Amino acid sequence: MPEPIRIADDVVFEVLDGETVVLNLTSGEYHTLNGSGTRAWQLIEEHGDLDRVRAAMAAEFDVDEDRLAADLDALVRDLVERRLVTAGS
């Protein structure tokens, strides 16, 4: 079953020099994502499905798939807590 994920409606972002600057318009808080976080963010925007994001990142990065899954899950939990993305049905 697909794991839907999407960027929250009250968030704007810009990619600058390989990093993403994200602004939550409701809280007024800025956040930054490093290079791999930026790629995950782009794939979330493109696919809207966490399984597809995982698969795309596994194809692009030379990393153990279990490590990738754990790191991506941690990133998504953080993004959800900060109300930058919504995940689940």
PDB file of N, CA and C in Angstrom:
ATOM      1  N   MET A   1       0.848  -1.191   0.000  1.00  0.00           N
ATOM      2  CA  MET A   1       0.000   0.000   0.000  1.00  0.00           C
ATOM      3  C   MET A   1       0.890   1.251   0.000  1.00  0.00           C
ATOM      4  N   PRO A   2       0.634   2.205  -0.881  1.00  0.00           N
ATOM      5  CA  PRO A   2       1.446   3.428  -0.951  1.00  0.00           C
ATOM      6  C   PRO A   2       1.381   4.227   0.350  1.00  0.00           C
ATOM      7  N   GLU A   3       2.481   4.895   0.633  1.00  0.00           N
ATOM      8  CA  GLU A   3       2.550   5.762   1.804  1.00  0.00           C
ATOM      9  C   GLU A   3       2.529   7.212   1.331  1.00  0.00           C
ATOM     10  N   PRO A   4       1.336   7.847   1.287  1.00  0.00           N
ATOM     11  CA  PRO A   4       1.268   9.211   0.772  1.00  0.00           C
ATOM     12  C   PRO A   4       2.015  10.208   1.668  1.00  0.00           C
ATOM     13  N   ILE A   5       2.662  11.139   1.017  1.00  0.00           N
ATOM     14  CA  ILE A   5       3.372  12.214   1.705  1.00  0.00           C
ATOM     15  C   ILE A   5       3.341  13.429   0.787  1.00  0.00           C
ATOM     16  N   ARG A   6       3.147  14.605   1.382  1.00  0.00           N
ATOM     17  CA  ARG A   6       3.148  15.811   0.555  1.00  0.00           C
ATOM     18  C   ARG A   6       3.615  17.005   1.375  1.00  0.00           C
ATOM     19  N   ILE A   7       4.069  18.001   0.665  1.00  0.00           N
ATOM     20  CA  ILE A   7       4.491  19.247   1.305  1.00  0.00           C
ATOM     21  C   ILE A   7       3.249  19.965   1.806  1.00  0.00           C
ATOM     22  N   ALA A   8       3.318  20.467   3.022  1.00  0.00           N
ATOM     23  CA  ALA A   8       2.173  21.135   3.642  1.00  0.00           C
ATOM     24  C   ALA A   8       1.779  22.386   2.846  1.00  0.00           C
ATOM     25  N   ASP A   9       0.502  22.707   2.900  1.00  0.00           N
ATOM     26  CA  ASP A   9      -0.031  23.845   2.144  1.00  0.00           C
ATOM     27  C   ASP A   9       0.545  25.188   2.592  1.00  0.00           C
ATOM     28  N   ASP A  10       0.902  25.303   3.873  1.00  0.00           N
ATOM     29  CA  ASP A  10       1.369  26.595   4.401  1.00  0.00           C
ATOM     30  C   ASP A  10       2.892  26.684   4.446  1.00  0.00           C
ATOM     31  N   VAL A  11       3.543  26.000   3.474  1.00  0.00           N
ATOM     32  CA  VAL A  11       4.999  25.981   3.408  1.00  0.00           C
ATOM     33  C   VAL A  11       5.451  26.488   2.041  1.00  0.00           C
ATOM     34  N   VAL A  12       6.481  27.316   2.054  1.00  0.00           N
ATOM     35  CA  VAL A  12       7.134  27.745   0.819  1.00  0.00           C
ATOM     36  C   VAL A  12       8.612  27.397   0.957  1.00  0.00           C
ATOM     37  N   PHE A  13       9.272  27.213  -0.176  1.00  0.00           N
ATOM     38  CA  PHE A  13      10.670  26.809  -0.122  1.00  0.00           C
ATOM     39  C   PHE A  13      11.400  27.282  -1.359  1.00  0.00           C
ATOM     40  N   GLU A  14      12.725  27.308  -1.235  1.00  0.00           N
ATOM     41  CA  GLU A  14      13.606  27.687  -2.334  1.00  0.00           C
ATOM     42  C   GLU A  14      14.885  26.884  -2.199  1.00  0.00           C
ATOM     43  N   VAL A  15      15.380  26.372  -3.318  1.00  0.00           N
ATOM     44  CA  VAL A  15      16.662  25.673  -3.331  1.00  0.00           C
ATOM     45  C   VAL A  15      17.743  26.687  -3.669  1.00  0.00           C
ATOM     46  N   LEU A  16      18.732  26.797  -2.786  1.00  0.00           N
ATOM     47  CA  LEU A  16      19.831  27.748  -2.947  1.00  0.00           C
ATOM     48  C   LEU A  16      21.152  27.013  -2.735  1.00  0.00           C
ATOM     49  N   ASP A  17      22.002  26.997  -3.739  1.00  0.00           N
ATOM     50  CA  ASP A  17      23.321  26.367  -3.632  1.00  0.00           C
ATOM     51  C   ASP A  17      23.244  24.926  -3.128  1.00  0.00           C
ATOM     52  N   GLY A  18      22.280  24.167  -3.614  1.00  0.00           N
ATOM     53  CA  GLY A  18      22.174  22.754  -3.265  1.00  0.00           C
ATOM     54  C   GLY A  18      21.502  22.461  -1.942  1.00  0.00           C
ATOM     55  N   GLU A  19      21.076  23.486  -1.227  1.00  0.00           N
ATOM     56  CA  GLU A  19      20.344  23.303   0.017  1.00  0.00           C
ATOM     57  C   GLU A  19      18.968  23.926  -0.134  1.00  0.00           C
ATOM     58  N   THR A  20      18.028  23.428   0.644  1.00  0.00           N
ATOM     59  CA  THR A  20      16.668  23.958   0.589  1.00  0.00           C
ATOM     60  C   THR A  20      16.392  24.774   1.835  1.00  0.00           C
ATOM     61  N   VAL A  21      15.864  25.968   1.618  1.00  0.00           N
ATOM     62  CA  VAL A  21      15.395  26.819   2.706  1.00  0.00           C
ATOM     63  C   VAL A  21      13.878  26.720   2.687  1.00  0.00           C
ATOM     64  N   VAL A  22      13.316  26.324   3.834  1.00  0.00           N
ATOM     65  CA  VAL A  22      11.883  26.081   3.943  1.00  0.00           C
ATOM     66  C   VAL A  22      11.313  27.038   4.973  1.00  0.00           C
ATOM     67  N   LEU A  23      10.187  27.680   4.642  1.00  0.00           N
ATOM     68  CA  LEU A  23       9.506  28.582   5.567  1.00  0.00           C
ATOM     69  C   LEU A  23       8.112  28.062   5.827  1.00  0.00           C
ATOM     70  N   ASN A  24       7.808  27.833   7.103  1.00  0.00           N
ATOM     71  CA  ASN A  24       6.446  27.511   7.510  1.00  0.00           C
ATOM     72  C   ASN A  24       5.746  28.848   7.733  1.00  0.00           C
ATOM     73  N   LEU A  25       4.801  29.166   6.861  1.00  0.00           N
ATOM     74  CA  LEU A  25       4.144  30.473   6.914  1.00  0.00           C
ATOM     75  C   LEU A  25       3.300  30.649   8.174  1.00  0.00           C
ATOM     76  N   THR A  26       2.801  29.567   8.738  1.00  0.00           N
ATOM     77  CA  THR A  26       1.974  29.648   9.940  1.00  0.00           C
ATOM     78  C   THR A  26       2.818  29.979  11.163  1.00  0.00           C
ATOM     79  N   SER A  27       3.939  29.286  11.324  1.00  0.00           N
ATOM     80  CA  SER A  27       4.779  29.506  12.510  1.00  0.00           C
ATOM     81  C   SER A  27       5.811  30.608  12.299  1.00  0.00           C
ATOM     82  N   GLY A  28       6.133  30.912  11.031  1.00  0.00           N
ATOM     83  CA  GLY A  28       7.164  31.890  10.733  1.00  0.00           C
ATOM     84  C   GLY A  28       8.572  31.342  10.885  1.00  0.00           C
ATOM     85  N   GLU A  29       8.701  30.021  11.068  1.00  0.00           N
ATOM     86  CA  GLU A  29      10.008  29.407  11.274  1.00  0.00           C
ATOM     87  C   GLU A  29      10.634  28.981   9.955  1.00  0.00           C
ATOM     88  N   TYR A  30      11.931  29.264   9.845  1.00  0.00           N
ATOM     89  CA  TYR A  30      12.737  28.825   8.706  1.00  0.00           C
ATOM     90  C   TYR A  30      13.458  27.538   9.072  1.00  0.00           C
ATOM     91  N   HIS A  31      13.663  26.692   8.084  1.00  0.00           N
ATOM     92  CA  HIS A  31      14.403  25.450   8.252  1.00  0.00           C
ATOM     93  C   HIS A  31      15.289  25.282   7.023  1.00  0.00           C
ATOM     94  N   THR A  32      16.395  24.554   7.173  1.00  0.00           N
ATOM     95  CA  THR A  32      17.256  24.256   6.025  1.00  0.00           C
ATOM     96  C   THR A  32      17.449  22.751   5.909  1.00  0.00           C
ATOM     97  N   LEU A  33      17.600  22.303   4.685  1.00  0.00           N
ATOM     98  CA  LEU A  33      17.870  20.902   4.394  1.00  0.00           C
ATOM     99  C   LEU A  33      19.190  20.814   3.650  1.00  0.00           C
ATOM    100  N   ASN A  34      20.027  19.862   4.029  1.00  0.00           N
ATOM    101  CA  ASN A  34      21.297  19.654   3.340  1.00  0.00           C
ATOM    102  C   ASN A  34      21.050  19.016   1.975  1.00  0.00           C
ATOM    103  N   GLY A  35      22.121  18.609   1.303  1.00  0.00           N
ATOM    104  CA  GLY A  35      21.992  18.068  -0.056  1.00  0.00           C
ATOM    105  C   GLY A  35      21.095  16.846  -0.159  1.00  0.00           C
ATOM    106  N   SER A  36      21.289  15.851   0.714  1.00  0.00           N
ATOM    107  CA  SER A  36      20.444  14.657   0.634  1.00  0.00           C
ATOM    108  C   SER A  36      19.023  14.959   1.102  1.00  0.00           C
ATOM    109  N   GLY A  37      18.886  15.832   2.091  1.00  0.00           N
ATOM    110  CA  GLY A  37      17.554  16.247   2.519  1.00  0.00           C
ATOM    111  C   GLY A  37      16.825  17.000   1.415  1.00  0.00           C
ATOM    112  N   THR A  38      17.582  17.810   0.685  1.00  0.00           N
ATOM    113  CA  THR A  38      17.013  18.536  -0.450  1.00  0.00           C
ATOM    114  C   THR A  38      16.523  17.568  -1.515  1.00  0.00           C
ATOM    115  N   ARG A  39      17.310  16.531  -1.793  1.00  0.00           N
ATOM    116  CA  ARG A  39      16.878  15.558  -2.806  1.00  0.00           C
ATOM    117  C   ARG A  39      15.622  14.837  -2.350  1.00  0.00           C
ATOM    118  N   ALA A  40      15.558  14.469  -1.072  1.00  0.00           N
ATOM    119  CA  ALA A  40      14.350  13.830  -0.539  1.00  0.00           C
ATOM    120  C   ALA A  40      13.152  14.768  -0.692  1.00  0.00           C
ATOM    121  N   TRP A  41      13.341  16.035  -0.383  1.00  0.00           N
ATOM    122  CA  TRP A  41      12.276  17.043  -0.491  1.00  0.00           C
ATOM    123  C   TRP A  41      11.773  17.134  -1.933  1.00  0.00           C
ATOM    124  N   GLN A  42      12.717  17.189  -2.876  1.00  0.00           N
ATOM    125  CA  GLN A  42      12.337  17.256  -4.292  1.00  0.00           C
ATOM    126  C   GLN A  42      11.534  16.026  -4.711  1.00  0.00           C
ATOM    127  N   LEU A  43      11.953  14.863  -4.238  1.00  0.00           N
ATOM    128  CA  LEU A  43      11.250  13.626  -4.587  1.00  0.00           C
ATOM    129  C   LEU A  43       9.879  13.545  -3.912  1.00  0.00           C
ATOM    130  N   ILE A  44       9.762  14.085  -2.703  1.00  0.00           N
ATOM    131  CA  ILE A  44       8.451  14.158  -2.047  1.00  0.00           C
ATOM    132  C   ILE A  44       7.519  15.007  -2.889  1.00  0.00           C
ATOM    133  N   GLU A  45       8.026  16.150  -3.338  1.00  0.00           N
ATOM    134  CA  GLU A  45       7.203  17.035  -4.171  1.00  0.00           C
ATOM    135  C   GLU A  45       6.828  16.346  -5.485  1.00  0.00           C
ATOM    136  N   GLU A  46       7.774  15.638  -6.080  1.00  0.00           N
ATOM    137  CA  GLU A  46       7.549  15.001  -7.372  1.00  0.00           C
ATOM    138  C   GLU A  46       6.626  13.790  -7.294  1.00  0.00           C
ATOM    139  N   HIS A  47       6.840  12.928  -6.316  1.00  0.00           N
ATOM    140  CA  HIS A  47       6.132  11.651  -6.277  1.00  0.00           C
ATOM    141  C   HIS A  47       4.937  11.615  -5.326  1.00  0.00           C
ATOM    142  N   GLY A  48       5.013  12.301  -4.195  1.00  0.00           N
ATOM    143  CA  GLY A  48       3.917  12.270  -3.235  1.00  0.00           C
ATOM    144  C   GLY A  48       3.687  10.896  -2.617  1.00  0.00           C
ATOM    145  N   ASP A  49       4.711  10.045  -2.667  1.00  0.00           N
ATOM    146  CA  ASP A  49       4.588   8.685  -2.156  1.00  0.00           C
ATOM    147  C   ASP A  49       5.935   8.273  -1.570  1.00  0.00           C
ATOM    148  N   LEU A  50       5.945   7.935  -0.281  1.00  0.00           N
ATOM    149  CA  LEU A  50       7.199   7.651   0.405  1.00  0.00           C
ATOM    150  C   LEU A  50       7.905   6.426  -0.168  1.00  0.00           C
ATOM    151  N   ASP A  51       7.170   5.421  -0.587  1.00  0.00           N
ATOM    152  CA  ASP A  51       7.801   4.237  -1.192  1.00  0.00           C
ATOM    153  C   ASP A  51       8.546   4.609  -2.467  1.00  0.00           C
ATOM    154  N   ARG A  52       7.961   5.474  -3.278  1.00  0.00           N
ATOM    155  CA  ARG A  52       8.618   5.900  -4.512  1.00  0.00           C
ATOM    156  C   ARG A  52       9.828   6.785  -4.220  1.00  0.00           C
ATOM    157  N   VAL A  53       9.737   7.599  -3.164  1.00  0.00           N
ATOM    158  CA  VAL A  53      10.879   8.420  -2.755  1.00  0.00           C
ATOM    159  C   VAL A  53      12.034   7.511  -2.347  1.00  0.00           C
ATOM    160  N   ARG A  54      11.745   6.493  -1.519  1.00  0.00           N
ATOM    161  CA  ARG A  54      12.776   5.540  -1.088  1.00  0.00           C
ATOM    162  C   ARG A  54      13.435   4.862  -2.288  1.00  0.00           C
ATOM    163  N   ALA A  55      12.613   4.393  -3.215  1.00  0.00           N
ATOM    164  CA  ALA A  55      13.140   3.683  -4.392  1.00  0.00           C
ATOM    165  C   ALA A  55      14.016   4.598  -5.241  1.00  0.00           C
ATOM    166  N   ALA A  56      13.575   5.830  -5.451  1.00  0.00           N
ATOM    167  CA  ALA A  56      14.350   6.773  -6.261  1.00  0.00           C
ATOM    168  C   ALA A  56      15.683   7.098  -5.584  1.00  0.00           C
ATOM    169  N   MET A  57      15.660   7.296  -4.275  1.00  0.00           N
ATOM    170  CA  MET A  57      16.897   7.609  -3.566  1.00  0.00           C
ATOM    171  C   MET A  57      17.843   6.408  -3.565  1.00  0.00           C
ATOM    172  N   ALA A  58      17.303   5.213  -3.434  1.00  0.00           N
ATOM    173  CA  ALA A  58      18.140   4.006  -3.472  1.00  0.00           C
ATOM    174  C   ALA A  58      18.828   3.866  -4.821  1.00  0.00           C
ATOM    175  N   ALA A  59      18.142   4.266  -5.885  1.00  0.00           N
ATOM    176  CA  ALA A  59      18.725   4.193  -7.225  1.00  0.00           C
ATOM    177  C   ALA A  59      19.789   5.271  -7.444  1.00  0.00           C
ATOM    178  N   GLU A  60      19.657   6.394  -6.752  1.00  0.00           N
ATOM    179  CA  GLU A  60      20.572   7.523  -6.954  1.00  0.00           C
ATOM    180  C   GLU A  60      21.783   7.519  -6.035  1.00  0.00           C
ATOM    181  N   PHE A  61      21.632   6.993  -4.825  1.00  0.00           N
ATOM    182  CA  PHE A  61      22.697   7.068  -3.831  1.00  0.00           C
ATOM    183  C   PHE A  61      23.294   5.690  -3.593  1.00  0.00           C
ATOM    184  N   ASP A  62      24.606   5.657  -3.448  1.00  0.00           N
ATOM    185  CA  ASP A  62      25.308   4.413  -3.148  1.00  0.00           C
ATOM    186  C   ASP A  62      25.331   4.242  -1.625  1.00  0.00           C
ATOM    187  N   VAL A  63      24.243   3.682  -1.100  1.00  0.00           N
ATOM    188  CA  VAL A  63      24.099   3.539   0.349  1.00  0.00           C
ATOM    189  C   VAL A  63      23.319   2.263   0.635  1.00  0.00           C
ATOM    190  N   ASP A  64      23.582   1.673   1.789  1.00  0.00           N
ATOM    191  CA  ASP A  64      22.842   0.500   2.227  1.00  0.00           C
ATOM    192  C   ASP A  64      21.352   0.855   2.317  1.00  0.00           C
ATOM    193  N   GLU A  65      20.500   0.007   1.748  1.00  0.00           N
ATOM    194  CA  GLU A  65      19.060   0.320   1.694  1.00  0.00           C
ATOM    195  C   GLU A  65      18.422   0.406   3.073  1.00  0.00           C
ATOM    196  N   ASP A  66      18.884  -0.407   4.024  1.00  0.00           N
ATOM    197  CA  ASP A  66      18.348  -0.315   5.385  1.00  0.00           C
ATOM    198  C   ASP A  66      18.719   1.015   6.019  1.00  0.00           C
ATOM    199  N   ARG A  67      19.951   1.439   5.794  1.00  0.00           N
ATOM    200  CA  ARG A  67      20.406   2.736   6.321  1.00  0.00           C
ATOM    201  C   ARG A  67      19.620   3.873   5.679  1.00  0.00           C
ATOM    202  N   LEU A  68      19.429   3.787   4.357  1.00  0.00           N
ATOM    203  CA  LEU A  68      18.651   4.796   3.640  1.00  0.00           C
ATOM    204  C   LEU A  68      17.239   4.872   4.195  1.00  0.00           C
ATOM    205  N   ALA A  69      16.599   3.728   4.376  1.00  0.00           N
ATOM    206  CA  ALA A  69      15.221   3.700   4.884  1.00  0.00           C
ATOM    207  C   ALA A  69      15.149   4.319   6.279  1.00  0.00           C
ATOM    208  N   ALA A  70      16.108   3.981   7.148  1.00  0.00           N
ATOM    209  CA  ALA A  70      16.107   4.530   8.507  1.00  0.00           C
ATOM    210  C   ALA A  70      16.326   6.036   8.492  1.00  0.00           C
ATOM    211  N   ASP A  71      17.280   6.501   7.681  1.00  0.00           N
ATOM    212  CA  ASP A  71      17.557   7.937   7.601  1.00  0.00           C
ATOM    213  C   ASP A  71      16.375   8.698   7.014  1.00  0.00           C
ATOM    214  N   LEU A  72      15.764   8.140   5.978  1.00  0.00           N
ATOM    215  CA  LEU A  72      14.619   8.798   5.355  1.00  0.00           C
ATOM    216  C   LEU A  72      13.436   8.839   6.308  1.00  0.00           C
ATOM    217  N   ASP A  73      13.200   7.746   7.023  1.00  0.00           N
ATOM    218  CA  ASP A  73      12.112   7.728   8.005  1.00  0.00           C
ATOM    219  C   ASP A  73      12.333   8.776   9.096  1.00  0.00           C
ATOM    220  N   ALA A  74      13.584   8.916   9.558  1.00  0.00           N
ATOM    221  CA  ALA A  74      13.900   9.924  10.574  1.00  0.00           C
ATOM    222  C   ALA A  74      13.667  11.333  10.027  1.00  0.00           C
ATOM    223  N   LEU A  75      14.074  11.568   8.788  1.00  0.00           N
ATOM    224  CA  LEU A  75      13.851  12.874   8.166  1.00  0.00           C
ATOM    225  C   LEU A  75      12.362  13.171   8.056  1.00  0.00           C
ATOM    226  N   VAL A  76      11.599  12.204   7.599  1.00  0.00           N
ATOM    227  CA  VAL A  76      10.158  12.417   7.434  1.00  0.00           C
ATOM    228  C   VAL A  76       9.497  12.682   8.785  1.00  0.00           C
ATOM    229  N   ARG A  77       9.874  11.940   9.821  1.00  0.00           N
ATOM    230  CA  ARG A  77       9.314  12.196  11.156  1.00  0.00           C
ATOM    231  C   ARG A  77       9.600  13.633  11.587  1.00  0.00           C
ATOM    232  N   ASP A  78      10.827  14.087  11.349  1.00  0.00           N
ATOM    233  CA  ASP A  78      11.204  15.455  11.708  1.00  0.00           C
ATOM    234  C   ASP A  78      10.393  16.477  10.911  1.00  0.00           C
ATOM    235  N   LEU A  79      10.243  16.241   9.617  1.00  0.00           N
ATOM    236  CA  LEU A  79       9.475  17.168   8.775  1.00  0.00           C
ATOM    237  C   LEU A  79       8.008  17.212   9.194  1.00  0.00           C
ATOM    238  N   VAL A  80       7.454  16.069   9.575  1.00  0.00           N
ATOM    239  CA  VAL A  80       6.063  16.021  10.047  1.00  0.00           C
ATOM    240  C   VAL A  80       5.938  16.782  11.361  1.00  0.00           C
ATOM    241  N   GLU A  81       6.868  16.539  12.297  1.00  0.00           N
ATOM    242  CA  GLU A  81       6.833  17.242  13.590  1.00  0.00           C
ATOM    243  C   GLU A  81       6.909  18.752  13.418  1.00  0.00           C
ATOM    244  N   ARG A  82       7.666  19.191  12.440  1.00  0.00           N
ATOM    245  CA  ARG A  82       7.811  20.632  12.184  1.00  0.00           C
ATOM    246  C   ARG A  82       6.678  21.176  11.304  1.00  0.00           C
ATOM    247  N   ARG A  83       5.756  20.292  10.929  1.00  0.00           N
ATOM    248  CA  ARG A  83       4.590  20.625  10.110  1.00  0.00           C
ATOM    249  C   ARG A  83       4.975  21.162   8.725  1.00  0.00           C
ATOM    250  N   LEU A  84       6.042  20.569   8.176  1.00  0.00           N
ATOM    251  CA  LEU A  84       6.488  20.951   6.840  1.00  0.00           C
ATOM    252  C   LEU A  84       5.938  20.014   5.776  1.00  0.00           C
ATOM    253  N   VAL A  85       5.646  18.773   6.172  1.00  0.00           N
ATOM    254  CA  VAL A  85       4.994  17.809   5.290  1.00  0.00           C
ATOM    255  C   VAL A  85       3.880  17.119   6.057  1.00  0.00           C
ATOM    256  N   THR A  86       2.963  16.532   5.292  1.00  0.00           N
ATOM    257  CA  THR A  86       1.937  15.682   5.892  1.00  0.00           C
ATOM    258  C   THR A  86       2.145  14.286   5.325  1.00  0.00           C
ATOM    259  N   ALA A  87       2.005  13.288   6.178  1.00  0.00           N
ATOM    260  CA  ALA A  87       2.228  11.912   5.774  1.00  0.00           C
ATOM    261  C   ALA A  87       1.071  11.061   6.258  1.00  0.00           C
ATOM    262  N   GLY A  88       0.815   9.996   5.521  1.00  0.00           N
ATOM    263  CA  GLY A  88      -0.267   9.085   5.883  1.00  0.00           C
ATOM    264  C   GLY A  88      -1.527   9.405   5.093  1.00  0.00           C
ATOM    265  N   SER A  89      -2.546   8.629   5.371  1.00  0.00           N
ATOM    266  CA  SER A  89      -3.794   8.791   4.606  1.00  0.00           C
ATOM    267  C   SER A  89      -4.651   9.911   5.105  1.00  0.00           C
TER     268      SER A  89
END
